[in-house]
Amino acid sequence: MSKEQTRRDRDKWIAFNPAVCPTPEIDEWCFFKGLDKLYDYLSVEHDEINDCYNGCFLPKQPNIARCGSGGALSVLDIEAINEVYNCKSGKK
């Protein structure tokens, strides 16, 4: 999977401070290409918490306390995986 911060729409959700870190390239073949999902600050595929607060990533949404999940799948990670693999919840 591509890093969340390389999504094509990432500039709507985060900014970068080029004095602290280079702006990552946008992944031309992004895993989430075609999926209409919210930006997932807590994605397992987002760089970890320190990157939000060391001044590299600047979240554009208010009250973002951390980035990255620390290794666990987020709710939006699970939704994206279920959509990609056409998984059903088992509920009727």
PDB file of N, CA and C in Angstrom:
ATOM      1  N   MET A   1       0.833  -1.177   0.000  1.00  0.00           N
ATOM      2  CA  MET A   1       0.000   0.000   0.000  1.00  0.00           C
ATOM      3  C   MET A   1       0.881   1.245   0.000  1.00  0.00           C
ATOM      4  N   SER A   2       0.334   2.288  -0.525  1.00  0.00           N
ATOM      5  CA  SER A   2       1.032   3.568  -0.546  1.00  0.00           C
ATOM      6  C   SER A   2       0.864   4.265   0.794  1.00  0.00           C
ATOM      7  N   LYS A   3       1.825   5.072   1.135  1.00  0.00           N
ATOM      8  CA  LYS A   3       1.708   5.872   2.345  1.00  0.00           C
ATOM      9  C   LYS A   3       0.526   6.825   2.193  1.00  0.00           C
ATOM     10  N   GLU A   4      -0.210   7.020   3.266  1.00  0.00           N
ATOM     11  CA  GLU A   4      -1.386   7.898   3.240  1.00  0.00           C
ATOM     12  C   GLU A   4      -0.998   9.311   2.789  1.00  0.00           C
ATOM     13  N   GLN A   5       0.163   9.787   3.230  1.00  0.00           N
ATOM     14  CA  GLN A   5       0.573  11.151   2.888  1.00  0.00           C
ATOM     15  C   GLN A   5       1.078  11.287   1.455  1.00  0.00           C
ATOM     16  N   THR A   6       0.965  10.220   0.645  1.00  0.00           N
ATOM     17  CA  THR A   6       1.299  10.331  -0.781  1.00  0.00           C
ATOM     18  C   THR A   6       0.052  10.239  -1.656  1.00  0.00           C
ATOM     19  N   ARG A   7      -1.139  10.223  -1.017  1.00  0.00           N
ATOM     20  CA  ARG A   7      -2.383  10.201  -1.789  1.00  0.00           C
ATOM     21  C   ARG A   7      -2.488  11.420  -2.685  1.00  0.00           C
ATOM     22  N   ARG A   8      -3.217  11.271  -3.772  1.00  0.00           N
ATOM     23  CA  ARG A   8      -3.391  12.390  -4.705  1.00  0.00           C
ATOM     24  C   ARG A   8      -4.101  13.581  -4.073  1.00  0.00           C
ATOM     25  N   ASP A   9      -4.989  13.326  -3.114  1.00  0.00           N
ATOM     26  CA  ASP A   9      -5.756  14.416  -2.494  1.00  0.00           C
ATOM     27  C   ASP A   9      -5.154  14.897  -1.169  1.00  0.00           C
ATOM     28  N   ARG A  10      -3.951  14.473  -0.846  1.00  0.00           N
ATOM     29  CA  ARG A  10      -3.367  14.759   0.463  1.00  0.00           C
ATOM     30  C   ARG A  10      -3.229  16.243   0.746  1.00  0.00           C
ATOM     31  N   ASP A  11      -3.063  17.090  -0.273  1.00  0.00           N
ATOM     32  CA  ASP A  11      -2.861  18.521  -0.040  1.00  0.00           C
ATOM     33  C   ASP A  11      -4.109  19.200   0.513  1.00  0.00           C
ATOM     34  N   LYS A  12      -5.255  18.541   0.446  1.00  0.00           N
ATOM     35  CA  LYS A  12      -6.472  19.052   1.085  1.00  0.00           C
ATOM     36  C   LYS A  12      -6.419  18.814   2.592  1.00  0.00           C
ATOM     37  N   TRP A  13      -5.607  17.846   3.032  1.00  0.00           N
ATOM     38  CA  TRP A  13      -5.631  17.378   4.414  1.00  0.00           C
ATOM     39  C   TRP A  13      -4.381  17.720   5.222  1.00  0.00           C
ATOM     40  N   ILE A  14      -3.234  17.784   4.554  1.00  0.00           N
ATOM     41  CA  ILE A  14      -1.990  18.094   5.256  1.00  0.00           C
ATOM     42  C   ILE A  14      -1.130  19.027   4.412  1.00  0.00           C
ATOM     43  N   ALA A  15      -0.297  19.782   5.109  1.00  0.00           N
ATOM     44  CA  ALA A  15       0.720  20.604   4.457  1.00  0.00           C
ATOM     45  C   ALA A  15       2.069  20.106   4.970  1.00  0.00           C
ATOM     46  N   PHE A  16       3.120  20.491   4.302  1.00  0.00           N
ATOM     47  CA  PHE A  16       4.461  20.086   4.693  1.00  0.00           C
ATOM     48  C   PHE A  16       5.305  21.324   4.915  1.00  0.00           C
ATOM     49  N   ASN A  17       6.216  21.233   5.846  1.00  0.00           N
ATOM     50  CA  ASN A  17       7.164  22.299   6.105  1.00  0.00           C
ATOM     51  C   ASN A  17       8.481  21.907   5.446  1.00  0.00           C
ATOM     52  N   PRO A  18       8.804  22.458   4.265  1.00  0.00           N
ATOM     53  CA  PRO A  18      10.003  22.043   3.545  1.00  0.00           C
ATOM     54  C   PRO A  18      11.303  22.379   4.272  1.00  0.00           C
ATOM     55  N   ALA A  19      11.261  23.256   5.278  1.00  0.00           N
ATOM     56  CA  ALA A  19      12.459  23.545   6.062  1.00  0.00           C
ATOM     57  C   ALA A  19      12.798  22.379   6.996  1.00  0.00           C
ATOM     58  N   VAL A  20      11.802  21.551   7.307  1.00  0.00           N
ATOM     59  CA  VAL A  20      11.996  20.432   8.233  1.00  0.00           C
ATOM     60  C   VAL A  20      12.116  19.109   7.496  1.00  0.00           C
ATOM     61  N   CYS A  21      11.323  18.922   6.459  1.00  0.00           N
ATOM     62  CA  CYS A  21      11.350  17.657   5.727  1.00  0.00           C
ATOM     63  C   CYS A  21      10.962  17.906   4.273  1.00  0.00           C
ATOM     64  N   PRO A  22      11.432  17.064   3.381  1.00  0.00           N
ATOM     65  CA  PRO A  22      11.027  17.216   1.981  1.00  0.00           C
ATOM     66  C   PRO A  22       9.570  16.791   1.801  1.00  0.00           C
ATOM     67  N   THR A  23       8.879  17.441   0.901  1.00  0.00           N
ATOM     68  CA  THR A  23       7.508  17.040   0.576  1.00  0.00           C
ATOM     69  C   THR A  23       7.559  15.743  -0.214  1.00  0.00           C
ATOM     70  N   PRO A  24       6.890  14.696   0.273  1.00  0.00           N
ATOM     71  CA  PRO A  24       6.916  13.436  -0.471  1.00  0.00           C
ATOM     72  C   PRO A  24       6.225  13.580  -1.822  1.00  0.00           C
ATOM     73  N   GLU A  25       6.703  12.838  -2.768  1.00  0.00           N
ATOM     74  CA  GLU A  25       6.064  12.811  -4.085  1.00  0.00           C
ATOM     75  C   GLU A  25       4.671  12.206  -3.940  1.00  0.00           C
ATOM     76  N   ILE A  26       3.764  12.610  -4.810  1.00  0.00           N
ATOM     77  CA  ILE A  26       2.454  11.971  -4.860  1.00  0.00           C
ATOM     78  C   ILE A  26       2.622  10.663  -5.615  1.00  0.00           C
ATOM     79  N   ASP A  27       2.093   9.601  -5.052  1.00  0.00           N
ATOM     80  CA  ASP A  27       2.209   8.283  -5.655  1.00  0.00           C
ATOM     81  C   ASP A  27       1.263   8.206  -6.846  1.00  0.00           C
ATOM     82  N   GLU A  28       1.808   8.067  -8.034  1.00  0.00           N
ATOM     83  CA  GLU A  28       0.983   8.023  -9.244  1.00  0.00           C
ATOM     84  C   GLU A  28       0.099   6.775  -9.296  1.00  0.00           C
ATOM     85  N   TRP A  29       0.538   5.696  -8.677  1.00  0.00           N
ATOM     86  CA  TRP A  29      -0.311   4.509  -8.578  1.00  0.00           C
ATOM     87  C   TRP A  29      -0.627   4.321  -7.119  1.00  0.00           C
ATOM     88  N   CYS A  30      -1.541   5.121  -6.649  1.00  0.00           N
ATOM     89  CA  CYS A  30      -1.885   5.081  -5.237  1.00  0.00           C
ATOM     90  C   CYS A  30      -2.873   3.959  -4.981  1.00  0.00           C
ATOM     91  N   PHE A  31      -2.660   3.217  -3.904  1.00  0.00           N
ATOM     92  CA  PHE A  31      -3.544   2.120  -3.517  1.00  0.00           C
ATOM     93  C   PHE A  31      -4.986   2.593  -3.408  1.00  0.00           C
ATOM     94  N   PHE A  32      -5.166   3.805  -2.912  1.00  0.00           N
ATOM     95  CA  PHE A  32      -6.515   4.313  -2.689  1.00  0.00           C
ATOM     96  C   PHE A  32      -7.093   5.017  -3.908  1.00  0.00           C
ATOM     97  N   LYS A  33      -6.370   4.985  -5.032  1.00  0.00           N
ATOM     98  CA  LYS A  33      -6.864   5.629  -6.253  1.00  0.00           C
ATOM     99  C   LYS A  33      -8.238   5.055  -6.596  1.00  0.00           C
ATOM    100  N   GLY A  34      -9.208   5.909  -6.757  1.00  0.00           N
ATOM    101  CA  GLY A  34     -10.542   5.455  -7.108  1.00  0.00           C
ATOM    102  C   GLY A  34     -11.440   5.199  -5.912  1.00  0.00           C
ATOM    103  N   LEU A  35     -10.856   5.094  -4.723  1.00  0.00           N
ATOM    104  CA  LEU A  35     -11.679   4.923  -3.527  1.00  0.00           C
ATOM    105  C   LEU A  35     -12.035   6.305  -2.996  1.00  0.00           C
ATOM    106  N   ASP A  36     -13.289   6.495  -2.700  1.00  0.00           N
ATOM    107  CA  ASP A  36     -13.747   7.788  -2.210  1.00  0.00           C
ATOM    108  C   ASP A  36     -13.753   7.737  -0.685  1.00  0.00           C
ATOM    109  N   LYS A  37     -12.577   7.812  -0.093  1.00  0.00           N
ATOM    110  CA  LYS A  37     -12.439   7.706   1.360  1.00  0.00           C
ATOM    111  C   LYS A  37     -11.878   8.997   1.934  1.00  0.00           C
ATOM    112  N   LEU A  38     -12.232   9.259   3.183  1.00  0.00           N
ATOM    113  CA  LEU A  38     -11.650  10.387   3.891  1.00  0.00           C
ATOM    114  C   LEU A  38     -10.160  10.158   4.085  1.00  0.00           C
ATOM    115  N   TYR A  39      -9.431  11.230   4.251  1.00  0.00           N
ATOM    116  CA  TYR A  39      -8.015  11.124   4.585  1.00  0.00           C
ATOM    117  C   TYR A  39      -7.917  10.521   5.976  1.00  0.00           C
ATOM    118  N   ASP A  40      -7.036   9.567   6.147  1.00  0.00           N
ATOM    119  CA  ASP A  40      -6.961   8.811   7.398  1.00  0.00           C
ATOM    120  C   ASP A  40      -5.674   9.141   8.145  1.00  0.00           C
ATOM    121  N   TYR A  41      -5.776  10.108   9.066  1.00  0.00           N
ATOM    122  CA  TYR A  41      -4.617  10.478   9.867  1.00  0.00           C
ATOM    123  C   TYR A  41      -4.128   9.305  10.721  1.00  0.00           C
ATOM    124  N   LEU A  42      -5.008   8.375  11.060  1.00  0.00           N
ATOM    125  CA  LEU A  42      -4.656   7.251  11.926  1.00  0.00           C
ATOM    126  C   LEU A  42      -4.359   5.973  11.155  1.00  0.00           C
ATOM    127  N   SER A  43      -4.218   6.060   9.861  1.00  0.00           N
ATOM    128  CA  SER A  43      -3.942   4.881   9.050  1.00  0.00           C
ATOM    129  C   SER A  43      -2.623   4.229   9.446  1.00  0.00           C
ATOM    130  N   VAL A  44      -2.593   2.906   9.357  1.00  0.00           N
ATOM    131  CA  VAL A  44      -1.348   2.171   9.555  1.00  0.00           C
ATOM    132  C   VAL A  44      -0.331   2.595   8.494  1.00  0.00           C
ATOM    133  N   GLU A  45      -0.823   3.147   7.392  1.00  0.00           N
ATOM    134  CA  GLU A  45       0.028   3.588   6.295  1.00  0.00           C
ATOM    135  C   GLU A  45       0.419   5.064   6.382  1.00  0.00           C
ATOM    136  N   HIS A  46       0.092   5.730   7.489  1.00  0.00           N
ATOM    137  CA  HIS A  46       0.510   7.126   7.670  1.00  0.00           C
ATOM    138  C   HIS A  46       1.751   7.130   8.543  1.00  0.00           C
ATOM    139  N   ASP A  47       2.700   8.000   8.235  1.00  0.00           N
ATOM    140  CA  ASP A  47       3.871   8.096   9.097  1.00  0.00           C
ATOM    141  C   ASP A  47       3.436   8.452  10.507  1.00  0.00           C
ATOM    142  N   GLU A  48       4.236   8.042  11.455  1.00  0.00           N
ATOM    143  CA  GLU A  48       3.859   8.063  12.871  1.00  0.00           C
ATOM    144  C   GLU A  48       3.732   9.448  13.490  1.00  0.00           C
ATOM    145  N   ILE A  49       3.271   9.444  14.720  1.00  0.00           N
ATOM    146  CA  ILE A  49       2.911  10.622  15.495  1.00  0.00           C
ATOM    147  C   ILE A  49       3.962  11.722  15.480  1.00  0.00           C
ATOM    148  N   ASN A  50       5.222  11.403  15.653  1.00  0.00           N
ATOM    149  CA  ASN A  50       6.238  12.447  15.762  1.00  0.00           C
ATOM    150  C   ASN A  50       6.321  13.306  14.513  1.00  0.00           C
ATOM    151  N   ASP A  51       5.975  12.746  13.368  1.00  0.00           N
ATOM    152  CA  ASP A  51       6.037  13.530  12.139  1.00  0.00           C
ATOM    153  C   ASP A  51       4.986  14.632  12.110  1.00  0.00           C
ATOM    154  N   CYS A  52       3.882  14.451  12.814  1.00  0.00           N
ATOM    155  CA  CYS A  52       2.878  15.521  12.871  1.00  0.00           C
ATOM    156  C   CYS A  52       3.388  16.685  13.704  1.00  0.00           C
ATOM    157  N   TYR A  53       4.138  16.387  14.740  1.00  0.00           N
ATOM    158  CA  TYR A  53       4.500  17.424  15.694  1.00  0.00           C
ATOM    159  C   TYR A  53       5.939  17.885  15.623  1.00  0.00           C
ATOM    160  N   ASN A  54       6.728  17.285  14.767  1.00  0.00           N
ATOM    161  CA  ASN A  54       8.090  17.815  14.638  1.00  0.00           C
ATOM    162  C   ASN A  54       8.119  18.941  13.618  1.00  0.00           C
ATOM    163  N   GLY A  55       6.949  19.298  13.120  1.00  0.00           N
ATOM    164  CA  GLY A  55       6.855  20.400  12.177  1.00  0.00           C
ATOM    165  C   GLY A  55       6.938  19.981  10.724  1.00  0.00           C
ATOM    166  N   CYS A  56       7.063  18.690  10.472  1.00  0.00           N
ATOM    167  CA  CYS A  56       7.115  18.195   9.091  1.00  0.00           C
ATOM    168  C   CYS A  56       5.715  18.204   8.482  1.00  0.00           C
ATOM    169  N   PHE A  57       4.805  17.441   9.075  1.00  0.00           N
ATOM    170  CA  PHE A  57       3.411  17.413   8.630  1.00  0.00           C
ATOM    171  C   PHE A  57       2.628  18.450   9.409  1.00  0.00           C
ATOM    172  N   LEU A  58       1.806  19.170   8.708  1.00  0.00           N
ATOM    173  CA  LEU A  58       0.956  20.171   9.340  1.00  0.00           C
ATOM    174  C   LEU A  58      -0.489  19.833   9.002  1.00  0.00           C
ATOM    175  N   PRO A  59      -1.194  19.096   9.894  1.00  0.00           N
ATOM    176  CA  PRO A  59      -2.578  18.735   9.603  1.00  0.00           C
ATOM    177  C   PRO A  59      -3.441  19.970   9.392  1.00  0.00           C
ATOM    178  N   LYS A  60      -4.284  19.940   8.371  1.00  0.00           N
ATOM    179  CA  LYS A  60      -5.156  21.073   8.066  1.00  0.00           C
ATOM    180  C   LYS A  60      -6.487  20.995   8.805  1.00  0.00           C
ATOM    181  N   GLN A  61      -6.794  19.862   9.393  1.00  0.00           N
ATOM    182  CA  GLN A  61      -8.019  19.711  10.170  1.00  0.00           C
ATOM    183  C   GLN A  61      -7.730  20.046  11.633  1.00  0.00           C
ATOM    184  N   PRO A  62      -8.684  20.675  12.326  1.00  0.00           N
ATOM    185  CA  PRO A  62      -8.453  21.030  13.729  1.00  0.00           C
ATOM    186  C   PRO A  62      -8.438  19.784  14.622  1.00  0.00           C
ATOM    187  N   ASN A  63      -7.764  19.911  15.731  1.00  0.00           N
ATOM    188  CA  ASN A  63      -7.759  18.896  16.794  1.00  0.00           C
ATOM    189  C   ASN A  63      -7.164  17.552  16.399  1.00  0.00           C
ATOM    190  N   ILE A  64      -6.246  17.533  15.449  1.00  0.00           N
ATOM    191  CA  ILE A  64      -5.566  16.286  15.116  1.00  0.00           C
ATOM    192  C   ILE A  64      -4.455  16.109  16.142  1.00  0.00           C
ATOM    193  N   ALA A  65      -4.574  15.086  16.965  1.00  0.00           N
ATOM    194  CA  ALA A  65      -3.638  14.881  18.064  1.00  0.00           C
ATOM    195  C   ALA A  65      -2.476  13.988  17.677  1.00  0.00           C
ATOM    196  N   ARG A  66      -2.647  13.166  16.632  1.00  0.00           N
ATOM    197  CA  ARG A  66      -1.567  12.265  16.231  1.00  0.00           C
ATOM    198  C   ARG A  66      -1.760  11.800  14.808  1.00  0.00           C
ATOM    199  N   CYS A  67      -0.693  11.270  14.258  1.00  0.00           N
ATOM    200  CA  CYS A  67      -0.730  10.648  12.943  1.00  0.00           C
ATOM    201  C   CYS A  67      -0.181   9.239  13.078  1.00  0.00           C
ATOM    202  N   GLY A  68      -0.666   8.347  12.258  1.00  0.00           N
ATOM    203  CA  GLY A  68      -0.226   6.959  12.312  1.00  0.00           C
ATOM    204  C   GLY A  68      -0.923   6.204  13.423  1.00  0.00           C
ATOM    205  N   SER A  69      -0.925   4.886  13.297  1.00  0.00           N
ATOM    206  CA  SER A  69      -1.669   4.062  14.247  1.00  0.00           C
ATOM    207  C   SER A  69      -0.786   3.337  15.236  1.00  0.00           C
ATOM    208  N   GLY A  70       0.490   3.323  14.996  1.00  0.00           N
ATOM    209  CA  GLY A  70       1.368   2.543  15.852  1.00  0.00           C
ATOM    210  C   GLY A  70       1.335   1.064  15.516  1.00  0.00           C
ATOM    211  N   GLY A  71       0.734   0.703  14.396  1.00  0.00           N
ATOM    212  CA  GLY A  71       0.746  -0.685  13.950  1.00  0.00           C
ATOM    213  C   GLY A  71      -0.625  -1.333  13.797  1.00  0.00           C
ATOM    214  N   ALA A  72      -1.654  -0.764  14.380  1.00  0.00           N
ATOM    215  CA  ALA A  72      -2.998  -1.345  14.261  1.00  0.00           C
ATOM    216  C   ALA A  72      -3.735  -0.715  13.076  1.00  0.00           C
ATOM    217  N   LEU A  73      -4.598  -1.508  12.434  1.00  0.00           N
ATOM    218  CA  LEU A  73      -5.422  -0.979  11.351  1.00  0.00           C
ATOM    219  C   LEU A  73      -6.442  -0.002  11.916  1.00  0.00           C
ATOM    220  N   SER A  74      -6.657   1.096  11.229  1.00  0.00           N
ATOM    221  CA  SER A  74      -7.700   2.037  11.627  1.00  0.00           C
ATOM    222  C   SER A  74      -9.037   1.562  11.051  1.00  0.00           C
ATOM    223  N   VAL A  75     -10.104   2.190  11.490  1.00  0.00           N
ATOM    224  CA  VAL A  75     -11.431   1.885  10.957  1.00  0.00           C
ATOM    225  C   VAL A  75     -11.463   2.133   9.447  1.00  0.00           C
ATOM    226  N   LEU A  76     -10.864   3.246   9.008  1.00  0.00           N
ATOM    227  CA  LEU A  76     -10.860   3.545   7.575  1.00  0.00           C
ATOM    228  C   LEU A  76      -9.949   2.603   6.797  1.00  0.00           C
ATOM    229  N   ASP A  77      -8.850   2.113   7.412  1.00  0.00           N
ATOM    230  CA  ASP A  77      -8.029   1.083   6.762  1.00  0.00           C
ATOM    231  C   ASP A  77      -8.875  -0.153   6.481  1.00  0.00           C
ATOM    232  N   ILE A  78      -9.633  -0.575   7.472  1.00  0.00           N
ATOM    233  CA  ILE A  78     -10.470  -1.772   7.337  1.00  0.00           C
ATOM    234  C   ILE A  78     -11.539  -1.564   6.273  1.00  0.00           C
ATOM    235  N   GLU A  79     -12.171  -0.391   6.266  1.00  0.00           N
ATOM    236  CA  GLU A  79     -13.179  -0.107   5.238  1.00  0.00           C
ATOM    237  C   GLU A  79     -12.575  -0.170   3.832  1.00  0.00           C
ATOM    238  N   ALA A  80     -11.383   0.410   3.663  1.00  0.00           N
ATOM    239  CA  ALA A  80     -10.734   0.405   2.343  1.00  0.00           C
ATOM    240  C   ALA A  80     -10.385  -1.015   1.911  1.00  0.00           C
ATOM    241  N   ILE A  81      -9.855  -1.812   2.812  1.00  0.00           N
ATOM    242  CA  ILE A  81      -9.508  -3.203   2.496  1.00  0.00           C
ATOM    243  C   ILE A  81     -10.763  -3.987   2.131  1.00  0.00           C
ATOM    244  N   ASN A  82     -11.827  -3.814   2.901  1.00  0.00           N
ATOM    245  CA  ASN A  82     -13.082  -4.499   2.586  1.00  0.00           C
ATOM    246  C   ASN A  82     -13.617  -4.093   1.221  1.00  0.00           C
ATOM    247  N   GLU A  83     -13.482  -2.811   0.880  1.00  0.00           N
ATOM    248  CA  GLU A  83     -13.965  -2.348  -0.425  1.00  0.00           C
ATOM    249  C   GLU A  83     -13.125  -2.928  -1.558  1.00  0.00           C
ATOM    250  N   VAL A  84     -11.811  -2.895  -1.396  1.00  0.00           N
ATOM    251  CA  VAL A  84     -10.921  -3.398  -2.446  1.00  0.00           C
ATOM    252  C   VAL A  84     -11.175  -4.884  -2.707  1.00  0.00           C
ATOM    253  N   TYR A  85     -11.357  -5.658  -1.640  1.00  0.00           N
ATOM    254  CA  TYR A  85     -11.541  -7.099  -1.778  1.00  0.00           C
ATOM    255  C   TYR A  85     -13.007  -7.525  -1.786  1.00  0.00           C
ATOM    256  N   ASN A  86     -13.923  -6.539  -1.844  1.00  0.00           N
ATOM    257  CA  ASN A  86     -15.357  -6.797  -1.910  1.00  0.00           C
ATOM    258  C   ASN A  86     -15.830  -7.708  -0.773  1.00  0.00           C
ATOM    259  N   CYS A  87     -15.343  -7.416   0.434  1.00  0.00           N
ATOM    260  CA  CYS A  87     -15.704  -8.208   1.621  1.00  0.00           C
ATOM    261  C   CYS A  87     -17.026  -7.692   2.184  1.00  0.00           C
ATOM    262  N   LYS A  88     -17.817  -8.593   2.678  1.00  0.00           N
ATOM    263  CA  LYS A  88     -19.074  -8.241   3.326  1.00  0.00           C
ATOM    264  C   LYS A  88     -18.913  -8.433   4.832  1.00  0.00           C
ATOM    265  N   SER A  89     -19.694  -7.698   5.593  1.00  0.00           N
ATOM    266  CA  SER A  89     -19.573  -7.761   7.052  1.00  0.00           C
ATOM    267  C   SER A  89     -20.188  -9.018   7.652  1.00  0.00           C
ATOM    268  N   GLY A  90     -20.992  -9.727   6.897  1.00  0.00           N
ATOM    269  CA  GLY A  90     -21.670 -10.900   7.429  1.00  0.00           C
ATOM    270  C   GLY A  90     -23.034 -10.573   7.990  1.00  0.00           C
ATOM    271  N   LYS A  91     -23.338  -9.281   8.110  1.00  0.00           N
ATOM    272  CA  LYS A  91     -24.649  -8.858   8.606  1.00  0.00           C
ATOM    273  C   LYS A  91     -25.633  -8.865   7.446  1.00  0.00           C
ATOM    274  N   LYS A  92     -26.876  -9.184   7.746  1.00  0.00           N
ATOM    275  CA  LYS A  92     -27.918  -9.193   6.706  1.00  0.00           C
ATOM    276  C   LYS A  92     -28.964  -8.157   6.993  1.00  0.00           C
TER     277      LYS A  92
END
